[in-house]
């Protein structure tokens, strides 16, 4: 039961926290973009990292490092690029996009369910193939 709770609640909440953090980072990177675009890109980044975590953890770690380094690189190269007032104006649109944010939370939970299901199915098929392979060779 704790195993299921971990994948049903803990991982989606952690992933959604990082979705919020990436949304804030992206609002500083692209203050002229509509908030809905920023939400979509942030969810794409989080979804890509979660999917790659099931394929190979090293890839997901590398993907997770890219965006903060990009923000740092842009900040170092051009400090005047960041206009905090415009970025905060974009973040104020979050209240108007509550429904979209709720959909993204539901998507995060559904994605985690699907990934866990596919991972379990692949593990089952692999163990079955391994069992059949060892029984035929013996």
N, C-alpha and C. Protein backbone atom coordinates (compact mmCIF):
# COMPACT_ATOMS: atom_id res chain seq x y z
N UNK A 1 0.82 -1.19 0.00
CA UNK A 1 0.00 0.00 0.00
C UNK A 1 0.88 1.27 0.00
N UNK A 2 1.97 1.23 0.76
CA UNK A 2 2.88 2.38 0.77
C UNK A 2 3.54 2.56 -0.58
N UNK A 3 3.82 1.45 -1.25
CA UNK A 3 4.41 1.50 -2.59
C UNK A 3 3.47 2.22 -3.55
N UNK A 4 2.19 1.89 -3.50
CA UNK A 4 1.20 2.53 -4.37
C UNK A 4 1.03 4.01 -4.02
N UNK A 5 1.01 4.30 -2.73
CA UNK A 5 0.87 5.70 -2.31
C UNK A 5 2.04 6.53 -2.78
N UNK A 6 3.22 5.92 -2.77
CA UNK A 6 4.41 6.65 -3.23
C UNK A 6 4.26 7.06 -4.69
N UNK A 7 3.80 6.14 -5.52
CA UNK A 7 3.68 6.44 -6.94
C UNK A 7 2.41 7.20 -7.29
N UNK A 8 1.38 7.11 -6.44
CA UNK A 8 0.14 7.82 -6.72
C UNK A 8 0.16 9.26 -6.22
N UNK A 9 0.85 9.49 -5.11
CA UNK A 9 0.80 10.82 -4.50
C UNK A 9 2.14 11.52 -4.43
N UNK A 10 3.15 10.83 -3.94
CA UNK A 10 4.43 11.48 -3.68
C UNK A 10 5.10 11.92 -4.98
N UNK A 11 5.27 11.00 -5.94
CA UNK A 11 5.94 11.36 -7.19
C UNK A 11 5.20 12.44 -7.96
N UNK A 12 3.87 12.35 -8.12
CA UNK A 12 3.19 13.46 -8.81
C UNK A 12 3.32 14.80 -8.08
N UNK A 13 3.31 14.78 -6.77
CA UNK A 13 3.45 16.05 -6.03
C UNK A 13 4.84 16.62 -6.22
N UNK A 14 5.86 15.77 -6.15
CA UNK A 14 7.24 16.23 -6.37
C UNK A 14 7.40 16.73 -7.80
N UNK A 15 6.86 15.98 -8.76
CA UNK A 15 6.94 16.40 -10.16
C UNK A 15 6.20 17.72 -10.36
N UNK A 16 5.06 17.88 -9.69
CA UNK A 16 4.32 19.13 -9.82
C UNK A 16 5.04 20.30 -9.17
N UNK A 17 5.77 20.05 -8.09
CA UNK A 17 6.59 21.09 -7.48
C UNK A 17 7.64 21.57 -8.49
N UNK A 18 8.29 20.63 -9.16
CA UNK A 18 9.31 21.01 -10.14
C UNK A 18 8.67 21.67 -11.36
N UNK A 19 7.45 21.30 -11.67
CA UNK A 19 6.71 21.98 -12.73
C UNK A 19 6.54 23.46 -12.36
N UNK A 20 6.20 23.72 -11.11
CA UNK A 20 6.05 25.11 -10.65
C UNK A 20 7.39 25.83 -10.68
N UNK A 21 8.45 25.15 -10.26
CA UNK A 21 9.78 25.79 -10.26
C UNK A 21 10.23 26.10 -11.68
N UNK A 22 10.01 25.18 -12.60
CA UNK A 22 10.40 25.42 -13.99
C UNK A 22 9.54 26.52 -14.61
N UNK A 23 8.28 26.59 -14.21
CA UNK A 23 7.40 27.67 -14.69
C UNK A 23 7.95 29.02 -14.27
N UNK A 24 8.42 29.13 -13.03
CA UNK A 24 9.01 30.39 -12.56
C UNK A 24 10.28 30.71 -13.34
N UNK A 25 11.14 29.70 -13.53
CA UNK A 25 12.37 29.92 -14.30
C UNK A 25 12.06 30.38 -15.72
N UNK A 26 11.10 29.72 -16.34
CA UNK A 26 10.75 30.08 -17.72
C UNK A 26 10.11 31.46 -17.80
N UNK A 27 9.39 31.86 -16.77
CA UNK A 27 8.81 33.20 -16.80
C UNK A 27 9.88 34.27 -16.77
N UNK A 28 11.02 33.95 -16.14
CA UNK A 28 12.14 34.89 -16.16
C UNK A 28 12.89 34.83 -17.49
N UNK A 29 12.90 33.66 -18.12
CA UNK A 29 13.56 33.53 -19.42
C UNK A 29 12.76 34.18 -20.54
N UNK A 30 11.45 34.07 -20.46
CA UNK A 30 10.59 34.56 -21.55
C UNK A 30 9.44 35.39 -21.00
N UNK A 31 9.72 36.58 -20.51
CA UNK A 31 8.65 37.38 -19.91
C UNK A 31 7.61 37.87 -20.92
N UNK A 32 7.90 37.82 -22.20
CA UNK A 32 6.97 38.32 -23.22
C UNK A 32 5.98 37.24 -23.66
N UNK A 33 6.22 35.98 -23.28
CA UNK A 33 5.37 34.87 -23.73
C UNK A 33 4.10 34.80 -22.89
N UNK A 34 3.02 34.31 -23.49
CA UNK A 34 1.80 34.10 -22.70
C UNK A 34 2.03 33.02 -21.64
N UNK A 35 1.34 33.15 -20.53
CA UNK A 35 1.53 32.23 -19.41
C UNK A 35 1.14 30.80 -19.81
N UNK A 36 0.16 30.65 -20.66
CA UNK A 36 -0.25 29.31 -21.08
C UNK A 36 0.88 28.61 -21.85
N UNK A 37 1.64 29.36 -22.64
CA UNK A 37 2.80 28.78 -23.34
C UNK A 37 3.88 28.34 -22.35
N UNK A 38 4.10 29.16 -21.35
CA UNK A 38 5.11 28.84 -20.34
C UNK A 38 4.71 27.57 -19.59
N UNK A 39 3.41 27.45 -19.26
CA UNK A 39 2.93 26.25 -18.59
C UNK A 39 3.13 25.01 -19.46
N UNK A 40 2.83 25.13 -20.74
CA UNK A 40 2.97 24.00 -21.65
C UNK A 40 4.43 23.55 -21.77
N UNK A 41 5.33 24.49 -21.92
CA UNK A 41 6.75 24.14 -22.03
C UNK A 41 7.25 23.53 -20.73
N UNK A 42 6.84 24.08 -19.59
CA UNK A 42 7.26 23.53 -18.30
C UNK A 42 6.76 22.10 -18.13
N UNK A 43 5.52 21.83 -18.53
CA UNK A 43 5.00 20.47 -18.42
C UNK A 43 5.71 19.54 -19.39
N UNK A 44 6.06 20.03 -20.55
CA UNK A 44 6.80 19.21 -21.51
C UNK A 44 8.17 18.83 -20.95
N UNK A 45 8.82 19.77 -20.29
CA UNK A 45 10.13 19.49 -19.69
C UNK A 45 9.99 18.46 -18.57
N UNK A 46 9.02 18.66 -17.68
CA UNK A 46 8.83 17.72 -16.57
C UNK A 46 8.42 16.35 -17.10
N UNK A 47 7.52 16.31 -18.07
CA UNK A 47 7.10 15.03 -18.64
C UNK A 47 8.25 14.30 -19.31
N UNK A 48 9.07 15.03 -20.04
CA UNK A 48 10.22 14.43 -20.69
C UNK A 48 11.20 13.86 -19.67
N UNK A 49 11.42 14.58 -18.61
CA UNK A 49 12.34 14.11 -17.57
C UNK A 49 11.77 12.87 -16.88
N UNK A 50 10.48 12.87 -16.60
CA UNK A 50 9.86 11.69 -15.95
C UNK A 50 9.90 10.48 -16.88
N UNK A 51 9.61 10.67 -18.16
CA UNK A 51 9.65 9.55 -19.10
C UNK A 51 11.07 9.02 -19.23
N UNK A 52 12.02 9.91 -19.35
CA UNK A 52 13.42 9.47 -19.49
C UNK A 52 13.92 8.80 -18.22
N UNK A 53 13.36 9.14 -17.07
CA UNK A 53 13.76 8.49 -15.82
C UNK A 53 13.42 7.00 -15.84
N UNK A 54 12.36 6.64 -16.54
CA UNK A 54 12.00 5.23 -16.64
C UNK A 54 12.87 4.51 -17.68
N UNK A 55 13.46 5.24 -18.59
CA UNK A 55 14.33 4.63 -19.60
C UNK A 55 15.74 4.51 -19.07
N UNK A 56 16.32 5.63 -18.69
CA UNK A 56 17.65 5.63 -18.08
C UNK A 56 17.77 6.84 -17.16
N UNK A 57 18.20 6.59 -15.93
CA UNK A 57 18.26 7.67 -14.95
C UNK A 57 19.31 8.72 -15.29
N UNK A 58 20.40 8.29 -15.91
CA UNK A 58 21.45 9.25 -16.27
C UNK A 58 20.93 10.30 -17.25
N UNK A 59 20.15 9.87 -18.21
CA UNK A 59 19.57 10.81 -19.18
C UNK A 59 18.64 11.80 -18.48
N UNK A 60 17.82 11.32 -17.57
CA UNK A 60 16.89 12.22 -16.87
C UNK A 60 17.65 13.22 -16.00
N UNK A 61 18.73 12.78 -15.37
CA UNK A 61 19.53 13.72 -14.58
C UNK A 61 20.13 14.82 -15.46
N UNK A 62 20.64 14.40 -16.62
CA UNK A 62 21.24 15.38 -17.54
C UNK A 62 20.19 16.36 -18.05
N UNK A 63 19.01 15.86 -18.38
CA UNK A 63 17.94 16.74 -18.85
C UNK A 63 17.52 17.72 -17.75
N UNK A 64 17.47 17.24 -16.52
CA UNK A 64 17.06 18.10 -15.41
C UNK A 64 18.07 19.20 -15.14
N UNK A 65 19.33 18.99 -15.51
CA UNK A 65 20.37 19.99 -15.29
C UNK A 65 20.41 21.06 -16.37
N UNK A 66 19.88 20.77 -17.53
CA UNK A 66 20.01 21.68 -18.67
C UNK A 66 19.36 23.04 -18.42
N UNK A 67 18.12 23.07 -17.99
CA UNK A 67 17.40 24.34 -17.86
C UNK A 67 18.02 25.29 -16.84
N UNK A 68 18.34 24.84 -15.62
CA UNK A 68 18.99 25.79 -14.69
C UNK A 68 20.31 26.33 -15.23
N UNK A 69 21.08 25.49 -15.91
CA UNK A 69 22.34 25.98 -16.49
C UNK A 69 22.07 26.98 -17.62
N UNK A 70 21.02 26.76 -18.38
CA UNK A 70 20.66 27.71 -19.43
C UNK A 70 20.30 29.06 -18.83
N UNK A 71 19.52 29.04 -17.75
CA UNK A 71 19.14 30.29 -17.09
C UNK A 71 20.38 30.99 -16.55
N UNK A 72 21.26 30.24 -15.91
CA UNK A 72 22.49 30.82 -15.38
C UNK A 72 23.36 31.39 -16.50
N UNK A 73 23.48 30.65 -17.60
CA UNK A 73 24.27 31.13 -18.74
C UNK A 73 23.72 32.42 -19.31
N UNK A 74 22.41 32.49 -19.48
CA UNK A 74 21.80 33.72 -20.00
C UNK A 74 22.01 34.87 -19.03
N UNK A 75 21.88 34.59 -17.73
CA UNK A 75 22.07 35.64 -16.74
C UNK A 75 23.50 36.16 -16.74
N UNK A 76 24.47 35.26 -16.87
CA UNK A 76 25.88 35.67 -16.87
C UNK A 76 26.21 36.48 -18.13
N UNK A 77 25.69 36.06 -19.27
CA UNK A 77 25.98 36.74 -20.53
C UNK A 77 25.34 38.11 -20.61
N UNK A 78 24.08 38.20 -20.17
CA UNK A 78 23.36 39.46 -20.33
C UNK A 78 22.47 39.69 -19.10
N UNK A 79 22.98 40.41 -18.13
CA UNK A 79 22.24 40.67 -16.90
C UNK A 79 20.99 41.50 -17.19
N UNK A 80 21.05 42.40 -18.15
CA UNK A 80 19.90 43.26 -18.44
C UNK A 80 18.76 42.50 -19.12
N UNK A 81 18.99 41.23 -19.50
CA UNK A 81 17.95 40.43 -20.14
C UNK A 81 16.78 40.20 -19.19
N UNK A 82 17.08 40.04 -17.91
CA UNK A 82 16.04 39.76 -16.94
C UNK A 82 15.35 41.04 -16.50
N UNK A 83 14.07 41.08 -16.76
CA UNK A 83 13.24 42.20 -16.31
C UNK A 83 12.27 41.63 -15.31
N UNK A 84 12.59 41.78 -14.04
CA UNK A 84 11.81 41.13 -13.00
C UNK A 84 10.36 41.61 -12.97
N UNK A 85 10.12 42.87 -13.26
CA UNK A 85 8.74 43.36 -13.22
C UNK A 85 7.89 42.67 -14.27
N UNK A 86 8.42 42.48 -15.48
CA UNK A 86 7.67 41.78 -16.53
C UNK A 86 7.49 40.31 -16.18
N UNK A 87 8.49 39.71 -15.59
CA UNK A 87 8.38 38.30 -15.20
C UNK A 87 7.33 38.10 -14.13
N UNK A 88 7.28 39.01 -13.16
CA UNK A 88 6.27 38.90 -12.11
C UNK A 88 4.88 39.18 -12.66
N UNK A 89 4.78 40.03 -13.67
CA UNK A 89 3.49 40.25 -14.32
C UNK A 89 2.99 38.97 -14.99
N UNK A 90 3.90 38.23 -15.58
CA UNK A 90 3.54 36.95 -16.20
C UNK A 90 3.07 35.98 -15.13
N UNK A 91 3.79 35.92 -14.01
CA UNK A 91 3.42 35.00 -12.93
C UNK A 91 2.07 35.35 -12.31
N UNK A 92 1.68 36.62 -12.36
CA UNK A 92 0.38 37.02 -11.81
C UNK A 92 -0.77 36.42 -12.62
N UNK A 93 -0.49 35.96 -13.82
CA UNK A 93 -1.52 35.34 -14.65
C UNK A 93 -1.86 33.93 -14.19
N UNK A 94 -1.14 33.41 -13.22
CA UNK A 94 -1.38 32.05 -12.73
C UNK A 94 -2.79 31.92 -12.18
N UNK A 95 -3.29 32.96 -11.54
CA UNK A 95 -4.63 32.90 -10.98
C UNK A 95 -5.68 32.74 -12.08
N UNK A 96 -5.44 33.34 -13.23
CA UNK A 96 -6.38 33.22 -14.35
C UNK A 96 -6.30 31.85 -15.02
N UNK A 97 -5.24 31.12 -14.77
CA UNK A 97 -5.01 29.82 -15.41
C UNK A 97 -5.12 28.66 -14.42
N UNK A 98 -5.92 28.82 -13.38
CA UNK A 98 -6.06 27.75 -12.38
C UNK A 98 -6.56 26.46 -12.98
N UNK A 99 -7.50 26.55 -13.90
CA UNK A 99 -8.06 25.35 -14.52
C UNK A 99 -6.99 24.61 -15.33
N UNK A 100 -6.18 25.34 -16.07
CA UNK A 100 -5.10 24.71 -16.85
C UNK A 100 -4.08 24.07 -15.92
N UNK A 101 -3.77 24.74 -14.82
CA UNK A 101 -2.81 24.19 -13.87
C UNK A 101 -3.36 22.91 -13.25
N UNK A 102 -4.66 22.86 -12.96
CA UNK A 102 -5.28 21.65 -12.44
C UNK A 102 -5.22 20.53 -13.47
N UNK A 103 -5.43 20.85 -14.74
CA UNK A 103 -5.31 19.84 -15.81
C UNK A 103 -3.88 19.29 -15.88
N UNK A 104 -2.90 20.17 -15.72
CA UNK A 104 -1.51 19.71 -15.73
C UNK A 104 -1.22 18.81 -14.54
N UNK A 105 -1.80 19.09 -13.38
CA UNK A 105 -1.64 18.21 -12.23
C UNK A 105 -2.25 16.84 -12.52
N UNK A 106 -3.44 16.82 -13.09
CA UNK A 106 -4.08 15.56 -13.47
C UNK A 106 -3.25 14.82 -14.51
N UNK A 107 -2.68 15.56 -15.45
CA UNK A 107 -1.82 14.94 -16.45
C UNK A 107 -0.59 14.32 -15.81
N UNK A 108 -0.02 14.99 -14.82
CA UNK A 108 1.15 14.47 -14.13
C UNK A 108 0.82 13.15 -13.44
N UNK A 109 -0.33 13.09 -12.78
CA UNK A 109 -0.76 11.86 -12.11
C UNK A 109 -1.01 10.76 -13.14
N UNK A 110 -1.69 11.08 -14.23
CA UNK A 110 -1.97 10.09 -15.27
C UNK A 110 -0.68 9.60 -15.93
N UNK A 111 0.25 10.51 -16.16
CA UNK A 111 1.54 10.12 -16.75
C UNK A 111 2.28 9.16 -15.83
N UNK A 112 2.29 9.45 -14.54
CA UNK A 112 2.97 8.57 -13.59
C UNK A 112 2.30 7.20 -13.55
N UNK A 113 0.96 7.16 -13.59
CA UNK A 113 0.23 5.89 -13.66
C UNK A 113 0.64 5.11 -14.90
N UNK A 114 0.61 5.76 -16.04
CA UNK A 114 0.92 5.10 -17.32
C UNK A 114 2.35 4.59 -17.32
N UNK A 115 3.29 5.40 -16.86
CA UNK A 115 4.68 4.99 -16.83
C UNK A 115 4.90 3.81 -15.89
N UNK A 116 4.25 3.84 -14.75
CA UNK A 116 4.38 2.74 -13.79
C UNK A 116 3.78 1.47 -14.38
N UNK A 117 2.63 1.58 -15.04
CA UNK A 117 1.98 0.42 -15.65
C UNK A 117 2.85 -0.17 -16.76
N UNK A 118 3.36 0.68 -17.63
CA UNK A 118 4.20 0.21 -18.74
C UNK A 118 5.48 -0.41 -18.19
N UNK A 119 6.06 0.20 -17.17
CA UNK A 119 7.27 -0.34 -16.57
C UNK A 119 7.02 -1.72 -15.97
N UNK A 120 5.89 -1.89 -15.29
CA UNK A 120 5.55 -3.19 -14.71
C UNK A 120 5.30 -4.22 -15.81
N UNK A 121 4.63 -3.83 -16.88
CA UNK A 121 4.36 -4.74 -17.98
C UNK A 121 5.65 -5.19 -18.66
N UNK A 122 6.56 -4.26 -18.88
CA UNK A 122 7.85 -4.60 -19.50
C UNK A 122 8.64 -5.53 -18.59
N UNK A 123 8.64 -5.26 -17.30
CA UNK A 123 9.36 -6.12 -16.35
C UNK A 123 8.75 -7.52 -16.34
N UNK A 124 7.44 -7.61 -16.42
CA UNK A 124 6.77 -8.91 -16.45
C UNK A 124 7.13 -9.68 -17.72
N UNK A 125 7.11 -9.01 -18.86
CA UNK A 125 7.46 -9.66 -20.12
C UNK A 125 8.92 -10.11 -20.10
N UNK A 126 9.79 -9.28 -19.60
CA UNK A 126 11.22 -9.64 -19.53
C UNK A 126 11.43 -10.86 -18.63
N UNK A 127 10.78 -10.87 -17.47
CA UNK A 127 10.94 -12.01 -16.57
C UNK A 127 10.36 -13.28 -17.19
N UNK A 128 9.26 -13.14 -17.92
CA UNK A 128 8.66 -14.30 -18.59
C UNK A 128 9.58 -14.81 -19.69
N UNK A 129 10.15 -13.92 -20.47
CA UNK A 129 11.09 -14.34 -21.52
C UNK A 129 12.35 -14.96 -20.92
N UNK A 130 12.81 -14.41 -19.82
CA UNK A 130 13.99 -14.97 -19.16
C UNK A 130 13.69 -16.35 -18.61
N UNK A 131 12.51 -16.52 -18.03
CA UNK A 131 12.10 -17.81 -17.49
C UNK A 131 11.98 -18.84 -18.60
N UNK A 132 11.38 -18.46 -19.72
CA UNK A 132 11.25 -19.37 -20.85
C UNK A 132 12.63 -19.70 -21.44
N UNK A 133 13.51 -18.73 -21.49
CA UNK A 133 14.85 -18.95 -22.02
C UNK A 133 15.65 -19.91 -21.17
N UNK A 134 15.54 -19.82 -19.85
CA UNK A 134 16.28 -20.71 -18.98
C UNK A 134 15.66 -22.10 -18.94
N UNK A 135 14.34 -22.20 -19.11
CA UNK A 135 13.71 -23.52 -19.09
C UNK A 135 13.99 -24.29 -20.40
N UNK A 136 14.15 -23.60 -21.52
CA UNK A 136 14.44 -24.25 -22.78
C UNK A 136 15.90 -24.68 -22.87
N UNK A 137 16.78 -23.94 -22.25
CA UNK A 137 18.20 -24.28 -22.32
C UNK A 137 18.58 -25.40 -21.37
N UNK A 138 17.72 -25.69 -20.37
CA UNK A 138 18.04 -26.68 -19.35
C UNK A 138 17.54 -28.00 -19.67
